[in-house]
């Protein structure tokens, strides 16, 4: 390595110091999306970044999804899914597969990747330490012909009713990285599948996280010209949803960001998890890597 290259690397590292100090002993919740998990090299880079956060004094908590992997397993087992209003109905057979894939295969794969990079990770789900208590999710649809509203029964699909972060705080106190699968029990004793974004937002709120990062397969929130919007307030985000700039699948993601902010999270970022080292770029550089939404 030449002297200029060495000097350039040292300069980059020194620039990160103020950001490391900003996040020292602060909690950062990272939602690791299903589509961002498809690449082995990116998975290893993600695990390395999470390990580096912990070594830098940050308290990272990983919450992961796994929709594509669940779909593949259901196909392998010849379990046909029913859809209502564009949403998968999770029956008894399906929720067993969901728990097996999320709390089993994917969760342990992420834990193993982090541990292989020198970190210490432990896999959890909502059932562990009474972390999350779920309630059945209620969704309504309006028939375009009759304009009659009806309630969709999505089976064992839930949302967080209560979050008790005690087990997370105990794990973080021991310099261990918790990796959480969005599966939780309800008061009825049944197991519920929770949307990973919603789960991450609820966990981040319970921990008063400094940042909540949503790793997705898009750069962030785009304006009408397709350009990345670097920062948004809640008021501006609502304005962009109202005028159609924020549309489609980005709407529920932004609504989840707003909900997390209302729960006490300081800032929420939507960024592309397929960009190598996106987490480090967002937290430890001037430019960031996605769209930051603040109160």
C-alpha atoms as a PDB file:
ATOM      1  CA  UNK A   1       0.000   0.000   0.000  1.00  0.00           C
ATOM      2  CA  UNK A   2       1.376   3.412  -1.012  1.00  0.00           C
ATOM      3  CA  UNK A   3       1.796   6.304   1.415  1.00  0.00           C
ATOM      4  CA  UNK A   4      -1.105   8.313  -0.138  1.00  0.00           C
ATOM      5  CA  UNK A   5      -3.414   5.264   0.165  1.00  0.00           C
ATOM      6  CA  UNK A   6      -2.414   4.801   3.804  1.00  0.00           C
ATOM      7  CA  UNK A   7      -2.995   8.493   4.508  1.00  0.00           C
ATOM      8  CA  UNK A   8      -6.400   8.379   2.778  1.00  0.00           C
ATOM      9  CA  UNK A   9      -7.548   5.389   4.849  1.00  0.00           C
ATOM     10  CA  UNK A  10      -6.346   7.038   8.064  1.00  0.00           C
ATOM     11  CA  UNK A  11      -8.269  10.198   7.125  1.00  0.00           C
ATOM     12  CA  UNK A  12     -11.474   8.210   6.569  1.00  0.00           C
ATOM     13  CA  UNK A  13     -11.109   6.463   9.927  1.00  0.00           C
ATOM     14  CA  UNK A  14     -10.437   9.749  11.740  1.00  0.00           C
ATOM     15  CA  UNK A  15     -13.550  11.308  10.166  1.00  0.00           C
ATOM     16  CA  UNK A  16     -15.657   8.539  11.707  1.00  0.00           C
ATOM     17  CA  UNK A  17     -14.591   9.411  15.274  1.00  0.00           C
ATOM     18  CA  UNK A  18     -17.232  12.134  15.972  1.00  0.00           C
ATOM     19  CA  UNK A  19     -19.970   9.778  14.804  1.00  0.00           C
ATOM     20  CA  UNK A  20     -18.643   6.928  16.932  1.00  0.00           C
ATOM     21  CA  UNK A  21     -18.752   9.286  19.909  1.00  0.00           C
ATOM     22  CA  UNK A  22     -22.333  10.277  19.020  1.00  0.00           C
ATOM     23  CA  UNK A  23     -23.488   6.667  19.156  1.00  0.00           C
ATOM     24  CA  UNK A  24     -21.293   5.519  22.046  1.00  0.00           C
ATOM     25  CA  UNK A  25     -23.401   3.410  24.440  1.00  0.00           C
ATOM     26  CA  UNK A  26     -26.519   4.247  22.405  1.00  0.00           C
ATOM     27  CA  UNK A  27     -28.950   1.644  21.078  1.00  0.00           C
ATOM     28  CA  UNK A  28     -29.361   1.181  17.333  1.00  0.00           C
ATOM     29  CA  UNK A  29     -32.057  -1.211  16.098  1.00  0.00           C
ATOM     30  CA  UNK A  30     -31.472  -2.617  12.607  1.00  0.00           C
ATOM     31  CA  UNK A  31     -34.268  -4.276  10.671  1.00  0.00           C
ATOM     32  CA  UNK A  32     -32.626  -6.727   8.278  1.00  0.00           C
ATOM     33  CA  UNK A  33     -35.014  -7.343   5.395  1.00  0.00           C
ATOM     34  CA  UNK A  34     -35.769 -10.572   3.572  1.00  0.00           C
ATOM     35  CA  UNK A  35     -34.671  -9.245   0.182  1.00  0.00           C
ATOM     36  CA  UNK A  36     -31.447  -7.813   1.630  1.00  0.00           C
ATOM     37  CA  UNK A  37     -30.557 -11.276   2.980  1.00  0.00           C
ATOM     38  CA  UNK A  38     -30.265 -13.049  -0.364  1.00  0.00           C
ATOM     39  CA  UNK A  39     -26.543 -12.507  -1.006  1.00  0.00           C
ATOM     40  CA  UNK A  40     -23.873 -14.438   0.920  1.00  0.00           C
ATOM     41  CA  UNK A  41     -21.206 -11.741   0.574  1.00  0.00           C
ATOM     42  CA  UNK A  42     -23.629  -9.019   1.680  1.00  0.00           C
ATOM     43  CA  UNK A  43     -24.669 -11.193   4.616  1.00  0.00           C
ATOM     44  CA  UNK A  44     -21.069 -11.501   5.757  1.00  0.00           C
ATOM     45  CA  UNK A  45     -20.519  -7.759   5.286  1.00  0.00           C
ATOM     46  CA  UNK A  46     -23.660  -7.043   7.322  1.00  0.00           C
ATOM     47  CA  UNK A  47     -22.455  -9.332  10.116  1.00  0.00           C
ATOM     48  CA  UNK A  48     -19.056  -7.624  10.082  1.00  0.00           C
ATOM     49  CA  UNK A  49     -20.690  -4.194  10.297  1.00  0.00           C
ATOM     50  CA  UNK A  50     -22.894  -5.224  13.231  1.00  0.00           C
ATOM     51  CA  UNK A  51     -19.852  -6.658  15.004  1.00  0.00           C
ATOM     52  CA  UNK A  52     -17.923  -3.435  14.369  1.00  0.00           C
ATOM     53  CA  UNK A  53     -20.792  -1.408  15.839  1.00  0.00           C
ATOM     54  CA  UNK A  54     -20.616  -3.453  19.026  1.00  0.00           C
ATOM     55  CA  UNK A  55     -16.812  -3.092  19.168  1.00  0.00           C
ATOM     56  CA  UNK A  56     -17.233   0.684  18.684  1.00  0.00           C
ATOM     57  CA  UNK A  57     -19.408   0.995  21.787  1.00  0.00           C
ATOM     58  CA  UNK A  58     -22.797   0.937  20.044  1.00  0.00           C
ATOM     59  CA  UNK A  59     -25.558  -1.379  21.300  1.00  0.00           C
ATOM     60  CA  UNK A  60     -26.958  -2.996  18.130  1.00  0.00           C
ATOM     61  CA  UNK A  61     -30.199  -4.986  18.091  1.00  0.00           C
ATOM     62  CA  UNK A  62     -31.053  -6.903  14.917  1.00  0.00           C
ATOM     63  CA  UNK A  63     -34.676  -7.642  13.993  1.00  0.00           C
ATOM     64  CA  UNK A  64     -35.052  -9.704  10.822  1.00  0.00           C
ATOM     65  CA  UNK A  65     -37.724 -10.658   8.353  1.00  0.00           C
ATOM     66  CA  UNK A  66     -37.808 -13.552   5.928  1.00  0.00           C
ATOM     67  CA  UNK A  67     -40.848 -13.381   3.665  1.00  0.00           C
ATOM     68  CA  UNK A  68     -39.146 -14.807   0.557  1.00  0.00           C
ATOM     69  CA  UNK A  69     -37.641 -17.672   2.564  1.00  0.00           C
ATOM     70  CA  UNK A  70     -41.026 -18.489   4.090  1.00  0.00           C
ATOM     71  CA  UNK A  71     -42.581 -18.559   0.631  1.00  0.00           C
ATOM     72  CA  UNK A  72     -39.932 -20.978  -0.647  1.00  0.00           C
ATOM     73  CA  UNK A  73     -40.393 -23.320   2.317  1.00  0.00           C
ATOM     74  CA  UNK A  74     -44.178 -23.333   1.891  1.00  0.00           C
ATOM     75  CA  UNK A  75     -43.667 -24.307  -1.763  1.00  0.00           C
ATOM     76  CA  UNK A  76     -41.275 -27.115  -0.782  1.00  0.00           C
ATOM     77  CA  UNK A  77     -43.855 -28.457   1.670  1.00  0.00           C
ATOM     78  CA  UNK A  78     -46.692 -28.051  -0.864  1.00  0.00           C
ATOM     79  CA  UNK A  79     -48.617 -25.755   1.461  1.00  0.00           C
ATOM     80  CA  UNK A  80     -50.823 -23.504  -0.639  1.00  0.00           C
ATOM     81  CA  UNK A  81     -51.375 -20.017   0.773  1.00  0.00           C
ATOM     82  CA  UNK A  82     -54.668 -18.173   0.570  1.00  0.00           C
ATOM     83  CA  UNK A  83     -54.562 -14.426   0.014  1.00  0.00           C
ATOM     84  CA  UNK A  84     -57.153 -11.877   1.107  1.00  0.00           C
ATOM     85  CA  UNK A  85     -56.827  -8.256   0.065  1.00  0.00           C
ATOM     86  CA  UNK A  86     -53.315  -9.016  -1.190  1.00  0.00           C
ATOM     87  CA  UNK A  87     -52.218 -10.334   2.218  1.00  0.00           C
ATOM     88  CA  UNK A  88     -51.230 -13.916   3.001  1.00  0.00           C
ATOM     89  CA  UNK A  89     -53.594 -15.723   5.345  1.00  0.00           C
ATOM     90  CA  UNK A  90     -51.537 -17.499   8.009  1.00  0.00           C
ATOM     91  CA  UNK A  91     -53.352 -20.665   9.046  1.00  0.00           C
ATOM     92  CA  UNK A  92     -52.151 -23.196  11.616  1.00  0.00           C
ATOM     93  CA  UNK A  93     -49.946 -25.097   9.173  1.00  0.00           C
ATOM     94  CA  UNK A  94     -48.464 -21.896   7.785  1.00  0.00           C
ATOM     95  CA  UNK A  95     -47.629 -20.339  11.154  1.00  0.00           C
ATOM     96  CA  UNK A  96     -45.721 -23.501  12.104  1.00  0.00           C
ATOM     97  CA  UNK A  97     -43.595 -23.051   8.982  1.00  0.00           C
ATOM     98  CA  UNK A  98     -43.207 -19.333   9.715  1.00  0.00           C
ATOM     99  CA  UNK A  99     -41.867 -20.065  13.201  1.00  0.00           C
ATOM    100  CA  UNK A 100     -39.570 -22.787  11.881  1.00  0.00           C
ATOM    101  CA  UNK A 101     -38.079 -20.520   9.209  1.00  0.00           C
ATOM    102  CA  UNK A 102     -37.920 -17.248  11.155  1.00  0.00           C
ATOM    103  CA  UNK A 103     -37.055 -18.356  14.694  1.00  0.00           C
ATOM    104  CA  UNK A 104     -35.107 -21.367  13.436  1.00  0.00           C
ATOM    105  CA  UNK A 105     -33.222 -21.321  10.152  1.00  0.00           C
ATOM    106  CA  UNK A 106     -32.895 -17.587   9.428  1.00  0.00           C
ATOM    107  CA  UNK A 107     -32.359 -16.496  13.012  1.00  0.00           C
ATOM    108  CA  UNK A 108     -29.559 -18.970  13.611  1.00  0.00           C
ATOM    109  CA  UNK A 109     -27.968 -18.205  10.252  1.00  0.00           C
ATOM    110  CA  UNK A 110     -27.646 -14.527  11.185  1.00  0.00           C
ATOM    111  CA  UNK A 111     -26.364 -15.418  14.658  1.00  0.00           C
ATOM    112  CA  UNK A 112     -23.740 -17.708  13.119  1.00  0.00           C
ATOM    113  CA  UNK A 113     -22.635 -15.028  10.637  1.00  0.00           C
ATOM    114  CA  UNK A 114     -22.125 -12.467  13.418  1.00  0.00           C
ATOM    115  CA  UNK A 115     -20.294 -14.950  15.621  1.00  0.00           C
ATOM    116  CA  UNK A 116     -18.047 -15.928  12.693  1.00  0.00           C
ATOM    117  CA  UNK A 117     -16.994 -12.282  12.378  1.00  0.00           C
ATOM    118  CA  UNK A 118     -15.891 -12.162  16.018  1.00  0.00           C
ATOM    119  CA  UNK A 119     -19.090 -10.876  17.566  1.00  0.00           C
ATOM    120  CA  UNK A 120     -21.193 -12.577  20.210  1.00  0.00           C
ATOM    121  CA  UNK A 121     -24.807 -12.918  19.128  1.00  0.00           C
ATOM    122  CA  UNK A 122     -27.805 -14.764  20.542  1.00  0.00           C
ATOM    123  CA  UNK A 123     -31.056 -15.594  18.788  1.00  0.00           C
ATOM    124  CA  UNK A 124     -34.383 -14.623  20.338  1.00  0.00           C
ATOM    125  CA  UNK A 125     -38.025 -14.333  19.372  1.00  0.00           C
ATOM    126  CA  UNK A 126     -41.016 -12.689  21.013  1.00  0.00           C
ATOM    127  CA  UNK A 127     -41.555 -15.773  23.175  1.00  0.00           C
ATOM    128  CA  UNK A 128     -38.191 -15.435  24.941  1.00  0.00           C
ATOM    129  CA  UNK A 129     -38.278 -13.611  28.273  1.00  0.00           C
ATOM    130  CA  UNK A 130     -41.825 -12.389  27.524  1.00  0.00           C
ATOM    131  CA  UNK A 131     -40.224 -10.003  25.053  1.00  0.00           C
ATOM    132  CA  UNK A 132     -43.349  -9.447  22.934  1.00  0.00           C
ATOM    133  CA  UNK A 133     -47.017 -10.152  23.561  1.00  0.00           C
ATOM    134  CA  UNK A 134     -48.990 -10.216  20.319  1.00  0.00           C
ATOM    135  CA  UNK A 135     -52.602  -9.504  19.461  1.00  0.00           C
ATOM    136  CA  UNK A 136     -54.445 -10.600  16.363  1.00  0.00           C
ATOM    137  CA  UNK A 137     -54.091  -8.088  13.539  1.00  0.00           C
ATOM    138  CA  UNK A 138     -57.336  -6.637  12.246  1.00  0.00           C
ATOM    139  CA  UNK A 139     -57.503  -5.367   8.679  1.00  0.00           C
ATOM    140  CA  UNK A 140     -60.499  -3.998   6.829  1.00  0.00           C
ATOM    141  CA  UNK A 141     -61.182  -3.687   3.095  1.00  0.00           C
ATOM    142  CA  UNK A 142     -63.812  -1.755   1.189  1.00  0.00           C
ATOM    143  CA  UNK A 143     -65.594  -3.460  -1.715  1.00  0.00           C
ATOM    144  CA  UNK A 144     -65.219  -1.076  -4.688  1.00  0.00           C
ATOM    145  CA  UNK A 145     -68.612  -2.070  -6.067  1.00  0.00           C
ATOM    146  CA  UNK A 146     -70.810  -1.953  -2.966  1.00  0.00           C
ATOM    147  CA  UNK A 147     -68.582   0.374  -0.897  1.00  0.00           C
ATOM    148  CA  UNK A 148     -69.205  -1.978   2.027  1.00  0.00           C
ATOM    149  CA  UNK A 149     -66.373  -2.347   4.548  1.00  0.00           C
ATOM    150  CA  UNK A 150     -65.535  -5.841   5.751  1.00  0.00           C
ATOM    151  CA  UNK A 151     -63.026  -7.263   8.234  1.00  0.00           C
ATOM    152  CA  UNK A 152     -60.332  -9.590   6.896  1.00  0.00           C
ATOM    153  CA  UNK A 153     -59.465 -12.659   8.935  1.00  0.00           C
ATOM    154  CA  UNK A 154     -55.761 -13.209   8.262  1.00  0.00           C
ATOM    155  CA  UNK A 155     -55.439 -16.077  10.702  1.00  0.00           C
ATOM    156  CA  UNK A 156     -52.364 -16.061  12.915  1.00  0.00           C
ATOM    157  CA  UNK A 157     -51.050 -12.663  11.813  1.00  0.00           C
ATOM    158  CA  UNK A 158     -50.426 -10.384  14.763  1.00  0.00           C
ATOM    159  CA  UNK A 159     -49.047  -7.054  15.893  1.00  0.00           C
ATOM    160  CA  UNK A 160     -47.164  -6.102  19.066  1.00  0.00           C
ATOM    161  CA  UNK A 161     -49.531  -5.434  21.947  1.00  0.00           C
ATOM    162  CA  UNK A 162     -46.807  -5.185  24.614  1.00  0.00           C
ATOM    163  CA  UNK A 163     -43.006  -5.148  24.543  1.00  0.00           C
ATOM    164  CA  UNK A 164     -40.946  -5.909  27.636  1.00  0.00           C
ATOM    165  CA  UNK A 165     -37.299  -5.160  26.741  1.00  0.00           C
ATOM    166  CA  UNK A 166     -35.863  -6.628  29.967  1.00  0.00           C
ATOM    167  CA  UNK A 167     -34.257  -9.614  28.240  1.00  0.00           C
ATOM    168  CA  UNK A 168     -32.765  -7.350  25.548  1.00  0.00           C
ATOM    169  CA  UNK A 169     -31.251  -5.025  28.156  1.00  0.00           C
ATOM    170  CA  UNK A 170     -29.742  -7.972  30.031  1.00  0.00           C
ATOM    171  CA  UNK A 171     -28.208  -9.357  26.845  1.00  0.00           C
ATOM    172  CA  UNK A 172     -26.854  -5.955  25.746  1.00  0.00           C
ATOM    173  CA  UNK A 173     -25.355  -5.394  29.210  1.00  0.00           C
ATOM    174  CA  UNK A 174     -23.186  -8.469  28.619  1.00  0.00           C
ATOM    175  CA  UNK A 175     -21.936  -7.116  25.246  1.00  0.00           C
ATOM    176  CA  UNK A 176     -24.018  -9.701  23.394  1.00  0.00           C
ATOM    177  CA  UNK A 177     -25.894  -8.796  20.206  1.00  0.00           C
ATOM    178  CA  UNK A 178     -29.575  -9.857  20.241  1.00  0.00           C
ATOM    179  CA  UNK A 179     -31.039 -11.111  16.963  1.00  0.00           C
ATOM    180  CA  UNK A 180     -34.839 -11.124  17.127  1.00  0.00           C
ATOM    181  CA  UNK A 181     -37.315 -13.099  15.008  1.00  0.00           C
ATOM    182  CA  UNK A 182     -40.792 -11.482  14.732  1.00  0.00           C
ATOM    183  CA  UNK A 183     -42.782 -14.377  16.171  1.00  0.00           C
ATOM    184  CA  UNK A 184     -44.708 -13.927  19.424  1.00  0.00           C
ATOM    185  CA  UNK A 185     -47.451 -15.483  21.563  1.00  0.00           C
ATOM    186  CA  UNK A 186     -50.891 -14.021  22.138  1.00  0.00           C
ATOM    187  CA  UNK A 187     -53.025 -14.065  25.275  1.00  0.00           C
ATOM    188  CA  UNK A 188     -54.865 -17.002  23.721  1.00  0.00           C
ATOM    189  CA  UNK A 189     -51.679 -19.101  23.779  1.00  0.00           C
ATOM    190  CA  UNK A 190     -51.400 -19.144  19.997  1.00  0.00           C
ATOM    191  CA  UNK A 191     -48.297 -18.183  18.005  1.00  0.00           C
ATOM    192  CA  UNK A 192     -48.528 -15.105  15.773  1.00  0.00           C
ATOM    193  CA  UNK A 193     -46.425 -13.924  12.847  1.00  0.00           C
ATOM    194  CA  UNK A 194     -45.663 -10.193  13.133  1.00  0.00           C
ATOM    195  CA  UNK A 195     -44.524  -7.946  10.311  1.00  0.00           C
ATOM    196  CA  UNK A 196     -40.786  -7.443  10.864  1.00  0.00           C
ATOM    197  CA  UNK A 197     -40.936  -3.677  10.257  1.00  0.00           C
ATOM    198  CA  UNK A 198     -43.681  -3.291  12.854  1.00  0.00           C
ATOM    199  CA  UNK A 199     -41.789  -5.527  15.276  1.00  0.00           C
ATOM    200  CA  UNK A 200     -38.564  -3.526  14.854  1.00  0.00           C
ATOM    201  CA  UNK A 201     -40.410  -0.251  15.431  1.00  0.00           C
ATOM    202  CA  UNK A 202     -42.023  -1.519  18.632  1.00  0.00           C
ATOM    203  CA  UNK A 203     -38.710  -2.863  19.961  1.00  0.00           C
ATOM    204  CA  UNK A 204     -36.867   0.362  19.087  1.00  0.00           C
ATOM    205  CA  UNK A 205     -39.534   2.374  20.893  1.00  0.00           C
ATOM    206  CA  UNK A 206     -39.312   0.197  24.000  1.00  0.00           C
ATOM    207  CA  UNK A 207     -35.539   0.784  24.111  1.00  0.00           C
ATOM    208  CA  UNK A 208     -35.726   4.521  23.287  1.00  0.00           C
ATOM    209  CA  UNK A 209     -33.293   3.782  20.488  1.00  0.00           C
ATOM    210  CA  UNK A 210     -31.042   6.484  19.067  1.00  0.00           C
ATOM    211  CA  UNK A 211     -31.653   5.134  15.572  1.00  0.00           C
ATOM    212  CA  UNK A 212     -33.863   2.588  13.850  1.00  0.00           C
ATOM    213  CA  UNK A 213     -32.505   1.483  10.467  1.00  0.00           C
ATOM    214  CA  UNK A 214     -34.739  -0.246   7.917  1.00  0.00           C
ATOM    215  CA  UNK A 215     -32.568  -2.156   5.447  1.00  0.00           C
ATOM    216  CA  UNK A 216     -34.652  -2.586   2.294  1.00  0.00           C
ATOM    217  CA  UNK A 217     -34.060  -3.090  -1.440  1.00  0.00           C
ATOM    218  CA  UNK A 218     -34.573   0.600  -2.319  1.00  0.00           C
ATOM    219  CA  UNK A 219     -32.305   3.635  -1.655  1.00  0.00           C
ATOM    220  CA  UNK A 220     -34.868   5.341   0.583  1.00  0.00           C
ATOM    221  CA  UNK A 221     -37.731   7.768  -0.003  1.00  0.00           C
ATOM    222  CA  UNK A 222     -37.628   9.270  -3.499  1.00  0.00           C
ATOM    223  CA  UNK A 223     -39.079  12.548  -4.754  1.00  0.00           C
ATOM    224  CA  UNK A 224     -41.241  12.873  -7.884  1.00  0.00           C
ATOM    225  CA  UNK A 225     -38.075  12.955 -10.042  1.00  0.00           C
ATOM    226  CA  UNK A 226     -36.800   9.717  -8.535  1.00  0.00           C
ATOM    227  CA  UNK A 227     -34.092  11.439  -6.506  1.00  0.00           C
ATOM    228  CA  UNK A 228     -33.283  10.382  -2.954  1.00  0.00           C
ATOM    229  CA  UNK A 229     -34.675  12.615  -0.208  1.00  0.00           C
ATOM    230  CA  UNK A 230     -31.947  12.732   2.449  1.00  0.00           C
ATOM    231  CA  UNK A 231     -34.065  14.009   5.380  1.00  0.00           C
ATOM    232  CA  UNK A 232     -37.746  14.362   6.207  1.00  0.00           C
ATOM    233  CA  UNK A 233     -39.770  15.577   9.144  1.00  0.00           C
ATOM    234  CA  UNK A 234     -42.910  13.684  10.119  1.00  0.00           C
ATOM    235  CA  UNK A 235     -45.029  16.597   8.862  1.00  0.00           C
ATOM    236  CA  UNK A 236     -43.275  16.587   5.472  1.00  0.00           C
ATOM    237  CA  UNK A 237     -43.558  12.796   5.202  1.00  0.00           C
ATOM    238  CA  UNK A 238     -47.317  13.023   5.758  1.00  0.00           C
ATOM    239  CA  UNK A 239     -47.511  15.761   3.140  1.00  0.00           C
ATOM    240  CA  UNK A 240     -45.676  13.575   0.602  1.00  0.00           C
ATOM    241  CA  UNK A 241     -47.987  10.647   1.326  1.00  0.00           C
ATOM    242  CA  UNK A 242     -51.010  12.893   0.827  1.00  0.00           C
ATOM    243  CA  UNK A 243     -49.826  14.212  -2.555  1.00  0.00           C
ATOM    244  CA  UNK A 244     -48.805  10.775  -3.845  1.00  0.00           C
ATOM    245  CA  UNK A 245     -45.022  11.282  -3.857  1.00  0.00           C
ATOM    246  CA  UNK A 246     -44.759   8.494  -1.289  1.00  0.00           C
ATOM    247  CA  UNK A 247     -46.901   5.657  -2.613  1.00  0.00           C
ATOM    248  CA  UNK A 248     -47.329   1.890  -2.827  1.00  0.00           C
ATOM    249  CA  UNK A 249     -45.256  -0.255  -0.490  1.00  0.00           C
ATOM    250  CA  UNK A 250     -43.339   2.757   0.818  1.00  0.00           C
ATOM    251  CA  UNK A 251     -46.465   4.081   2.587  1.00  0.00           C
ATOM    252  CA  UNK A 252     -46.664   1.372   5.309  1.00  0.00           C
ATOM    253  CA  UNK A 253     -42.894   1.601   5.787  1.00  0.00           C
ATOM    254  CA  UNK A 254     -43.021   5.373   6.353  1.00  0.00           C
ATOM    255  CA  UNK A 255     -46.068   4.963   8.612  1.00  0.00           C
ATOM    256  CA  UNK A 256     -44.048   2.467  10.669  1.00  0.00           C
ATOM    257  CA  UNK A 257     -41.228   5.031  10.867  1.00  0.00           C
ATOM    258  CA  UNK A 258     -43.663   7.654  12.169  1.00  0.00           C
ATOM    259  CA  UNK A 259     -45.071   5.207  14.720  1.00  0.00           C
ATOM    260  CA  UNK A 260     -41.537   4.422  15.961  1.00  0.00           C
ATOM    261  CA  UNK A 261     -40.777   8.138  16.348  1.00  0.00           C
ATOM    262  CA  UNK A 262     -43.979   8.572  18.342  1.00  0.00           C
ATOM    263  CA  UNK A 263     -42.844   5.705  20.574  1.00  0.00           C
ATOM    264  CA  UNK A 264     -39.647   7.605  21.442  1.00  0.00           C
ATOM    265  CA  UNK A 265     -37.070   6.692  18.773  1.00  0.00           C
ATOM    266  CA  UNK A 266     -34.853   9.689  17.985  1.00  0.00           C
ATOM    267  CA  UNK A 267     -34.501   9.068  14.248  1.00  0.00           C
ATOM    268  CA  UNK A 268     -35.498   6.428  11.688  1.00  0.00           C
ATOM    269  CA  UNK A 269     -33.660   5.707   8.438  1.00  0.00           C
ATOM    270  CA  UNK A 270     -34.800   3.838   5.322  1.00  0.00           C
ATOM    271  CA  UNK A 271     -31.808   2.671   3.277  1.00  0.00           C
ATOM    272  CA  UNK A 272     -30.743   0.088   0.726  1.00  0.00           C
ATOM    273  CA  UNK A 273     -29.452  -3.037   2.469  1.00  0.00           C
ATOM    274  CA  UNK A 274     -27.915  -4.264  -0.788  1.00  0.00           C
ATOM    275  CA  UNK A 275     -25.300  -1.494  -0.670  1.00  0.00           C
ATOM    276  CA  UNK A 276     -22.173  -2.928   0.981  1.00  0.00           C
ATOM    277  CA  UNK A 277     -21.617  -1.521   4.492  1.00  0.00           C
ATOM    278  CA  UNK A 278     -24.812   0.566   4.305  1.00  0.00           C
ATOM    279  CA  UNK A 279     -25.119   0.545   8.106  1.00  0.00           C
ATOM    280  CA  UNK A 280     -21.634   2.009   8.607  1.00  0.00           C
ATOM    281  CA  UNK A 281     -22.131   4.567   5.831  1.00  0.00           C
ATOM    282  CA  UNK A 282     -25.339   5.744   7.480  1.00  0.00           C
ATOM    283  CA  UNK A 283     -24.055   5.974  11.037  1.00  0.00           C
ATOM    284  CA  UNK A 284     -20.387   6.922  10.629  1.00  0.00           C
ATOM    285  CA  UNK A 285     -20.230   9.280   7.611  1.00  0.00           C
ATOM    286  CA  UNK A 286     -21.384  12.820   6.788  1.00  0.00           C
ATOM    287  CA  UNK A 287     -23.641  11.913   3.899  1.00  0.00           C
ATOM    288  CA  UNK A 288     -25.457   8.951   5.348  1.00  0.00           C
ATOM    289  CA  UNK A 289     -26.887   6.300   3.056  1.00  0.00           C
ATOM    290  CA  UNK A 290     -30.658   6.687   2.994  1.00  0.00           C
ATOM    291  CA  UNK A 291     -33.599   8.832   4.109  1.00  0.00           C
ATOM    292  CA  UNK A 292     -33.566  10.030   7.722  1.00  0.00           C
ATOM    293  CA  UNK A 293     -37.005  10.763   9.198  1.00  0.00           C
ATOM    294  CA  UNK A 294     -37.162  12.884  12.341  1.00  0.00           C
ATOM    295  CA  UNK A 295     -40.045  14.143  14.529  1.00  0.00           C
END
